Amino acid sequence: MLLWVFFLVTLTLSSVSHGSLPSQPLRIPRYADAIFTNSYRKVLGQLSARKLLQDTMNR
């Protein structure tokens, strides 16, 4: 138990010292990936809705 407490305290202290925000070049690709993922999900949702509507109309 004491070992776990020591480990958690050490981990917390090390993450605080390295916890600064990433530099700007590292954040831009993540932002671009998020835009792509959101757009892709939106397109998939539209295709799904269109297919559901077509199936409903064909009944």
N, C-alpha and C. Protein backbone atom coordinates (compact mmCIF):
# COMPACT_ATOMS: atom_id res chain seq x y z
N MET A 1 0.83 -1.20 0.00
CA MET A 1 0.00 0.00 0.00
C MET A 1 0.87 1.25 0.00
N LEU A 2 1.88 1.26 0.83
CA LEU A 2 2.77 2.41 0.90
C LEU A 2 3.51 2.61 -0.42
N LEU A 3 3.83 1.50 -1.07
CA LEU A 3 4.51 1.58 -2.37
C LEU A 3 3.61 2.25 -3.41
N TRP A 4 2.32 1.92 -3.38
CA TRP A 4 1.38 2.54 -4.32
C TRP A 4 1.26 4.04 -4.07
N VAL A 5 1.22 4.44 -2.82
CA VAL A 5 1.13 5.86 -2.49
C VAL A 5 2.37 6.58 -3.00
N PHE A 6 3.53 5.99 -2.76
CA PHE A 6 4.78 6.58 -3.24
C PHE A 6 4.77 6.69 -4.77
N PHE A 7 4.30 5.64 -5.43
CA PHE A 7 4.24 5.63 -6.89
C PHE A 7 3.31 6.73 -7.40
N LEU A 8 2.14 6.86 -6.80
CA LEU A 8 1.18 7.88 -7.24
C LEU A 8 1.70 9.30 -7.00
N VAL A 9 2.35 9.51 -5.86
CA VAL A 9 2.91 10.83 -5.57
C VAL A 9 4.01 11.16 -6.57
N THR A 10 4.87 10.18 -6.85
CA THR A 10 5.95 10.39 -7.81
C THR A 10 5.40 10.68 -9.20
N LEU A 11 4.39 9.92 -9.59
CA LEU A 11 3.78 10.12 -10.90
C LEU A 11 3.13 11.50 -10.99
N THR A 12 2.46 11.91 -9.95
CA THR A 12 1.80 13.21 -9.94
C THR A 12 2.82 14.34 -10.02
N LEU A 13 3.88 14.23 -9.27
CA LEU A 13 4.90 15.28 -9.29
C LEU A 13 5.61 15.35 -10.63
N SER A 14 5.86 14.21 -11.24
CA SER A 14 6.54 14.23 -12.54
C SER A 14 5.62 14.75 -13.63
N SER A 15 4.32 14.47 -13.53
CA SER A 15 3.41 14.97 -14.56
C SER A 15 3.18 16.46 -14.41
N VAL A 16 3.27 16.99 -13.20
CA VAL A 16 3.11 18.43 -13.00
C VAL A 16 4.27 19.17 -13.63
N SER A 17 5.48 18.64 -13.50
CA SER A 17 6.63 19.34 -14.06
C SER A 17 6.64 19.27 -15.58
N HIS A 18 6.05 18.21 -16.16
CA HIS A 18 6.02 18.06 -17.61
C HIS A 18 4.63 18.35 -18.16
N GLY A 19 3.78 18.92 -17.36
CA GLY A 19 2.39 19.09 -17.74
C GLY A 19 2.08 20.34 -18.52
N SER A 20 3.08 20.97 -19.10
CA SER A 20 2.80 22.17 -19.88
C SER A 20 2.08 21.79 -21.17
N LEU A 21 1.42 22.76 -21.76
CA LEU A 21 0.68 22.52 -22.99
C LEU A 21 1.63 22.17 -24.12
N PRO A 22 1.20 21.31 -25.04
CA PRO A 22 2.07 20.97 -26.16
C PRO A 22 2.30 22.18 -27.04
N SER A 23 3.41 22.16 -27.73
CA SER A 23 3.73 23.28 -28.61
C SER A 23 2.71 23.36 -29.75
N GLN A 24 2.64 24.48 -30.38
CA GLN A 24 1.64 24.73 -31.41
C GLN A 24 1.70 23.73 -32.57
N PRO A 25 2.87 23.36 -33.11
CA PRO A 25 2.87 22.41 -34.23
C PRO A 25 2.27 21.05 -33.88
N LEU A 26 2.35 20.62 -32.64
CA LEU A 26 1.77 19.34 -32.26
C LEU A 26 0.26 19.41 -32.16
N ARG A 27 -0.30 20.57 -31.90
CA ARG A 27 -1.74 20.70 -31.72
C ARG A 27 -2.47 20.84 -33.05
N ILE A 28 -1.84 21.37 -34.07
CA ILE A 28 -2.51 21.59 -35.35
C ILE A 28 -2.95 20.27 -36.00
N PRO A 29 -2.09 19.23 -36.08
CA PRO A 29 -2.57 17.98 -36.68
C PRO A 29 -3.73 17.37 -35.91
N ARG A 30 -3.72 17.47 -34.60
CA ARG A 30 -4.82 16.93 -33.82
C ARG A 30 -6.11 17.67 -34.13
N TYR A 31 -6.02 18.98 -34.32
CA TYR A 31 -7.19 19.79 -34.66
C TYR A 31 -7.71 19.39 -36.04
N ALA A 32 -6.80 19.19 -36.99
CA ALA A 32 -7.20 18.78 -38.33
C ALA A 32 -7.85 17.40 -38.30
N ASP A 33 -7.30 16.50 -37.50
CA ASP A 33 -7.89 15.16 -37.37
C ASP A 33 -9.29 15.24 -36.80
N ALA A 34 -9.50 16.12 -35.84
CA ALA A 34 -10.83 16.27 -35.25
C ALA A 34 -11.83 16.80 -36.27
N ILE A 35 -11.40 17.74 -37.09
CA ILE A 35 -12.30 18.27 -38.13
C ILE A 35 -12.67 17.16 -39.10
N PHE A 36 -11.67 16.36 -39.52
CA PHE A 36 -11.94 15.26 -40.45
C PHE A 36 -12.89 14.25 -39.82
N THR A 37 -12.64 13.88 -38.57
CA THR A 37 -13.48 12.88 -37.90
C THR A 37 -14.91 13.37 -37.78
N ASN A 38 -15.09 14.62 -37.39
CA ASN A 38 -16.45 15.16 -37.26
C ASN A 38 -17.16 15.21 -38.60
N SER A 39 -16.45 15.61 -39.64
CA SER A 39 -17.06 15.65 -40.97
C SER A 39 -17.41 14.26 -41.45
N TYR A 40 -16.52 13.31 -41.21
CA TYR A 40 -16.76 11.92 -41.63
C TYR A 40 -17.98 11.35 -40.91
N ARG A 41 -18.10 11.60 -39.61
CA ARG A 41 -19.26 11.13 -38.86
C ARG A 41 -20.55 11.76 -39.39
N LYS A 42 -20.48 13.04 -39.73
CA LYS A 42 -21.66 13.72 -40.25
C LYS A 42 -22.10 13.10 -41.58
N VAL A 43 -21.14 12.81 -42.46
CA VAL A 43 -21.46 12.19 -43.75
C VAL A 43 -22.04 10.80 -43.54
N LEU A 44 -21.45 10.02 -42.64
CA LEU A 44 -21.99 8.69 -42.36
C LEU A 44 -23.41 8.77 -41.81
N GLY A 45 -23.66 9.75 -40.97
CA GLY A 45 -25.01 9.93 -40.44
C GLY A 45 -26.00 10.31 -41.52
N GLN A 46 -25.58 11.16 -42.45
CA GLN A 46 -26.45 11.54 -43.55
C GLN A 46 -26.75 10.36 -44.46
N LEU A 47 -25.72 9.54 -44.74
CA LEU A 47 -25.93 8.35 -45.57
C LEU A 47 -26.88 7.37 -44.89
N SER A 48 -26.71 7.22 -43.59
CA SER A 48 -27.58 6.32 -42.84
C SER A 48 -29.02 6.83 -42.86
N ALA A 49 -29.20 8.12 -42.67
CA ALA A 49 -30.55 8.70 -42.69
C ALA A 49 -31.17 8.58 -44.07
N ARG A 50 -30.37 8.79 -45.11
CA ARG A 50 -30.88 8.67 -46.48
C ARG A 50 -31.32 7.24 -46.77
N LYS A 51 -30.50 6.27 -46.33
CA LYS A 51 -30.85 4.86 -46.56
C LYS A 51 -32.12 4.50 -45.80
N LEU A 52 -32.26 4.96 -44.57
CA LEU A 52 -33.46 4.69 -43.79
C LEU A 52 -34.69 5.30 -44.46
N LEU A 53 -34.55 6.52 -44.96
CA LEU A 53 -35.66 7.17 -45.65
C LEU A 53 -36.05 6.42 -46.92
N GLN A 54 -35.05 5.99 -47.69
CA GLN A 54 -35.33 5.24 -48.91
C GLN A 54 -36.00 3.90 -48.60
N ASP A 55 -35.52 3.22 -47.56
CA ASP A 55 -36.14 1.95 -47.17
C ASP A 55 -37.58 2.15 -46.72
N THR A 56 -37.83 3.24 -46.00
CA THR A 56 -39.18 3.53 -45.54
C THR A 56 -40.10 3.87 -46.71
N MET A 57 -39.59 4.63 -47.66
CA MET A 57 -40.41 5.02 -48.82
C MET A 57 -40.70 3.82 -49.73
N ASN A 58 -39.82 2.85 -49.79
CA ASN A 58 -39.99 1.68 -50.66
C ASN A 58 -40.94 0.64 -50.08
N ARG A 59 -41.35 0.79 -48.86
CA ARG A 59 -42.26 -0.19 -48.24
C ARG A 59 -43.66 -0.01 -48.67
